[in-house]
Every structure is written in C-alpha cells, then in structure tokens.
C-alpha cells in the first residue's frame, strides 16, 4: 500500500511507501478485521493479504504464520485492555465499569471482538482469554469485598464480568455509537441491580 498525493494541474503523483512499522500495523488491522468477521479457522493468509492490499510475501515478511499473526492481534487487544484498566475511575464499586470496557472496545473494535468473541473457541488461544477474563473477575471480586455476602462474592464477580463483556460486544456490533452514554448508564444500572439482588443478606425467618 502506498500513500499518493496528486499534483494539482498535472497527471503525475508523489507516492510514499509505508515504513516497516506502518506496514506491520496495516497488516494487523486487516487481519483483525478478517478474524473478527470470520474467526481463526475460516480466515486464510490469502484473505488477510487481500484485505491488506499486499502480497503473501509481504505478509510473511512480518508474520511467519497465521498463528503468529493471530497472537499479535490478541496482544494488541490485551494492550488496549491494559490502557482501559489503567485509566482513572476504570474500576468502580462493582469492578470494571461499563464505560471503561466500552472505551476499550471502541478504541479497537475488531481486536476486542477477536479476543472476547472468537479466541475462546480456539484451544491454542483460549488461555489468553481466560487470563484476561480472570483479571476482570479479580477486579470485580476485590471491589465487591466490602458489601458482598462472602459465599456469593465470586459468583457475583464472574456474573458481572460475563454480563459486561457480552453486553459491550453486542453494543459495538448493533448499537449506535451516538448513544454510548445511554448504554453506559443502562449497563451500570443493570449491573448494580443484579449484584444487589443476589448479594444482599437475606433476613432470618
């Protein structure tokens, strides 16, 4: 892929070849989109090279296998998750907030989808997803410590994370980005209501 700028008043153009890092990023972006659309097994290196607008040889210069390329996409997803979790206010009373998770998804929707929708179905990559999910569960578990019934704390943490991940996935697929604030507010209310209903101590009869 080259960047071209047409000269005004003439047919000639100035082209700029992408540097190695830019090329790698463009291939990664194309791969993330392809994997998010079709999953790992149904996506070939030919699909990725076509989507990136480069030859097979160029792709293999940067990634020696589809496995390596998939792992690189997941690494990007984990890095974006790290950024989201490190932001002020990312963890609230019930764990990671809907806004923090949505911001992670909006920053890189294809890599987010690959991580949370597809990678768990692939035995070679499921451990990466498990580790990411456990980070979110641990954050929720710690946040719930002060007001959860101990016997329900782990369950509430896992249920909260499962709800948030799935709701964000569906929202970035079908929701209107202009209504993100409304989604965040609704997801926050749903999370609080669900947790409170299950962890509130029951009065003795």
Protein backbone atom coordinates (compact mmCIF):
# COMPACT_ATOMS: atom_id res chain seq x y z
CA UNK A 1 0.00 0.00 0.00
CA UNK A 2 1.33 3.44 -0.87
CA UNK A 3 0.24 6.91 0.04
CA UNK A 4 -0.35 9.04 -3.05
CA UNK A 5 -0.87 12.74 -3.41
CA UNK A 6 -1.89 14.04 -6.83
CA UNK A 7 -0.14 17.20 -8.02
CA UNK A 8 -2.63 19.90 -8.96
CA UNK A 9 -2.73 20.69 -12.65
CA UNK A 10 -0.93 17.53 -13.76
CA UNK A 11 -1.23 13.76 -14.04
CA UNK A 12 1.89 12.88 -12.06
CA UNK A 13 1.73 11.92 -8.40
CA UNK A 14 4.03 11.65 -5.45
CA UNK A 15 3.97 8.26 -3.74
CA UNK A 16 5.33 7.25 -0.37
CA UNK A 17 5.96 3.67 0.59
CA UNK A 18 4.91 2.69 4.06
CA UNK A 19 7.70 2.12 6.55
CA UNK A 20 8.12 -1.29 8.15
CA UNK A 21 6.18 -0.41 11.30
CA UNK A 22 3.37 1.25 9.35
CA UNK A 23 3.17 -1.78 7.08
CA UNK A 24 3.02 -4.13 10.05
CA UNK A 25 0.22 -2.08 11.61
CA UNK A 26 -1.77 -2.06 8.38
CA UNK A 27 -1.47 -5.85 8.10
CA UNK A 28 -2.51 -6.24 11.73
CA UNK A 29 -5.54 -4.03 11.19
CA UNK A 30 -6.58 -6.04 8.13
CA UNK A 31 -6.04 -9.30 9.99
CA UNK A 32 -8.05 -8.13 13.00
CA UNK A 33 -10.97 -7.20 10.74
CA UNK A 34 -10.81 -10.56 8.94
CA UNK A 35 -10.55 -12.59 12.14
CA UNK A 36 -13.35 -10.58 13.77
CA UNK A 37 -15.58 -11.28 10.79
CA UNK A 38 -14.86 -14.98 10.23
CA UNK A 39 -12.84 -16.34 13.14
CA UNK A 40 -9.46 -18.04 13.06
CA UNK A 41 -10.18 -21.28 11.20
CA UNK A 42 -12.18 -19.69 8.39
CA UNK A 43 -9.62 -16.95 7.69
CA UNK A 44 -6.63 -17.72 5.47
CA UNK A 45 -3.41 -15.82 5.00
CA UNK A 46 -4.63 -15.19 1.45
CA UNK A 47 -7.73 -13.47 2.88
CA UNK A 48 -5.51 -11.29 5.05
CA UNK A 49 -3.09 -10.35 2.27
CA UNK A 50 -6.03 -9.42 0.04
CA UNK A 51 -7.62 -7.34 2.79
CA UNK A 52 -4.31 -5.60 3.45
CA UNK A 53 -3.74 -4.97 -0.26
CA UNK A 54 -0.33 -6.66 -0.27
CA UNK A 55 1.18 -9.90 -1.49
CA UNK A 56 1.55 -13.10 0.53
CA UNK A 57 5.29 -12.45 0.60
CA UNK A 58 4.84 -9.09 2.31
CA UNK A 59 2.62 -10.63 4.99
CA UNK A 60 5.15 -13.40 5.64
CA UNK A 61 7.95 -10.87 5.94
CA UNK A 62 6.19 -9.52 9.02
CA UNK A 63 4.47 -12.64 10.40
CA UNK A 64 5.79 -16.12 9.76
CA UNK A 65 2.44 -17.86 10.25
CA UNK A 66 -1.27 -17.30 10.76
CA UNK A 67 -0.77 -18.39 14.36
CA UNK A 68 1.80 -15.62 14.92
CA UNK A 69 -0.50 -13.06 13.30
CA UNK A 70 -3.46 -14.12 15.46
CA UNK A 71 -1.34 -13.87 18.58
CA UNK A 72 -0.23 -10.39 17.56
CA UNK A 73 -3.87 -9.33 17.22
CA UNK A 74 -4.60 -10.72 20.68
CA UNK A 75 -1.53 -8.95 22.08
CA UNK A 76 -2.96 -5.68 20.75
CA UNK A 77 -6.29 -6.45 22.41
CA UNK A 78 -4.58 -7.10 25.75
CA UNK A 79 -2.56 -3.89 25.47
CA UNK A 80 -5.73 -1.92 24.83
CA UNK A 81 -7.36 -3.60 27.81
CA UNK A 82 -4.36 -2.61 29.93
CA UNK A 83 -4.82 1.01 28.88
CA UNK A 84 -8.53 0.91 29.74
CA UNK A 85 -7.96 -0.70 33.15
CA UNK A 86 -5.22 1.77 33.99
CA UNK A 87 -7.39 4.83 33.40
CA UNK A 88 -8.69 6.79 36.42
CA UNK A 89 -12.09 5.51 37.51
CA UNK A 90 -11.87 2.32 35.45
CA UNK A 91 -12.78 0.20 38.47
CA UNK A 92 -15.84 1.15 40.46
CA UNK A 93 -17.89 -0.35 43.31
CA UNK A 94 -18.72 -3.45 41.29
CA UNK A 95 -15.50 -3.92 39.35
CA UNK A 96 -14.56 -2.67 35.91
CA UNK A 97 -17.08 -0.08 34.81
CA UNK A 98 -19.18 -0.37 31.65
CA UNK A 99 -17.58 2.85 30.38
CA UNK A 100 -14.03 1.53 30.77
CA UNK A 101 -14.83 -1.68 28.92
CA UNK A 102 -16.74 0.15 26.19
CA UNK A 103 -13.88 2.60 25.69
CA UNK A 104 -11.54 -0.36 25.25
CA UNK A 105 -13.89 -1.80 22.63
CA UNK A 106 -14.39 1.48 20.78
CA UNK A 107 -10.63 2.07 20.62
CA UNK A 108 -10.13 -1.18 18.69
CA UNK A 109 -13.44 -2.93 17.97
CA UNK A 110 -12.00 -5.67 15.77
CA UNK A 111 -9.30 -6.74 18.22
CA UNK A 112 -11.83 -6.56 21.07
CA UNK A 113 -14.17 -8.85 19.11
CA UNK A 114 -11.38 -11.30 18.30
CA UNK A 115 -10.39 -11.52 21.96
CA UNK A 116 -13.84 -11.85 23.51
CA UNK A 117 -15.91 -13.44 20.73
CA UNK A 118 -13.58 -15.80 18.88
CA UNK A 119 -10.36 -16.65 20.70
CA UNK A 120 -12.02 -18.69 23.44
CA UNK A 121 -13.18 -21.16 20.77
CA UNK A 122 -9.62 -21.90 19.71
CA UNK A 123 -7.77 -24.30 22.06
CA UNK A 124 -4.40 -22.73 21.24
CA UNK A 125 -5.58 -19.27 22.30
CA UNK A 126 -8.25 -19.90 24.93
CA UNK A 127 -5.74 -19.43 27.74
CA UNK A 128 -5.18 -15.81 26.69
CA UNK A 129 -8.90 -15.12 27.00
CA UNK A 130 -9.10 -16.95 30.33
CA UNK A 131 -6.29 -14.79 31.72
CA UNK A 132 -7.94 -11.58 30.52
CA UNK A 133 -11.30 -12.61 31.95
CA UNK A 134 -9.73 -13.57 35.27
CA UNK A 135 -8.19 -10.10 35.54
CA UNK A 136 -11.64 -8.58 35.21
CA UNK A 137 -13.12 -11.09 37.66
CA UNK A 138 -10.41 -10.37 40.23
CA UNK A 139 -11.07 -6.63 39.93
CA UNK A 140 -14.80 -7.23 40.46
CA UNK A 141 -14.15 -9.64 43.34
CA UNK A 142 -11.97 -7.11 45.15
CA UNK A 143 -14.47 -4.31 44.55
CA UNK A 144 -17.30 -6.41 46.00
CA UNK A 145 -15.41 -7.38 49.15
CA UNK A 146 -16.92 -4.69 51.38
CA UNK A 147 -20.57 -5.30 50.60
CA UNK A 148 -20.94 -8.82 49.25
CA UNK A 149 -22.01 -11.96 51.06
CA UNK A 150 -18.78 -13.98 51.03
CA UNK A 151 -20.48 -17.09 49.67
CA UNK A 152 -21.80 -15.08 46.71
CA UNK A 153 -18.80 -12.85 46.07
CA UNK A 154 -17.01 -14.98 43.48
CA UNK A 155 -20.26 -15.78 41.70
CA UNK A 156 -21.26 -12.12 41.59
CA UNK A 157 -17.85 -11.15 40.21
CA UNK A 158 -17.99 -13.74 37.44
CA UNK A 159 -21.62 -12.95 36.57
CA UNK A 160 -20.89 -9.23 36.41
CA UNK A 161 -17.93 -9.69 34.09
CA UNK A 162 -19.86 -12.09 31.85
CA UNK A 163 -22.74 -9.63 31.54
CA UNK A 164 -20.48 -6.64 30.84
CA UNK A 165 -18.33 -8.36 28.23
CA UNK A 166 -21.31 -9.74 26.33
CA UNK A 167 -23.31 -6.52 26.53
CA UNK A 168 -20.38 -4.48 25.20
CA UNK A 169 -19.79 -6.98 22.39
CA UNK A 170 -23.42 -6.78 21.31
CA UNK A 171 -23.44 -2.99 21.62
CA UNK A 172 -20.43 -2.43 19.38
CA UNK A 173 -22.00 -4.82 16.85
CA UNK A 174 -25.53 -3.42 16.86
CA UNK A 175 -25.64 -0.25 18.95
CA UNK A 176 -25.50 3.36 17.82
CA UNK A 177 -22.21 4.95 18.88
CA UNK A 178 -24.02 8.25 19.36
CA UNK A 179 -25.94 6.57 22.20
CA UNK A 180 -22.90 5.23 24.03
CA UNK A 181 -23.60 7.35 27.10
CA UNK A 182 -27.10 5.90 27.30
CA UNK A 183 -25.72 2.38 27.01
CA UNK A 184 -23.19 3.04 29.77
CA UNK A 185 -25.89 4.38 32.08
CA UNK A 186 -28.22 1.43 31.39
CA UNK A 187 -25.45 -1.14 31.80
CA UNK A 188 -24.39 0.45 35.06
CA UNK A 189 -27.93 0.31 36.44
CA UNK A 190 -28.33 -3.32 35.33
CA UNK A 191 -25.02 -4.30 36.92
CA UNK A 192 -25.86 -2.66 40.23
CA UNK A 193 -29.36 -4.13 40.30
CA UNK A 194 -28.17 -7.63 39.53
CA UNK A 195 -25.41 -7.63 42.10
CA UNK A 196 -27.55 -6.12 44.83
CA UNK A 197 -30.35 -8.62 44.28
CA UNK A 198 -28.07 -11.59 44.76
CA UNK A 199 -25.53 -10.50 47.34
CA UNK A 200 -27.84 -8.76 49.82
CA UNK A 201 -28.05 -10.84 53.00
CA UNK A 202 -31.45 -12.46 53.43
CA UNK A 203 -33.23 -11.81 56.74
CA UNK A 204 -33.55 -14.83 59.00
CA UNK A 205 -37.04 -16.32 59.17
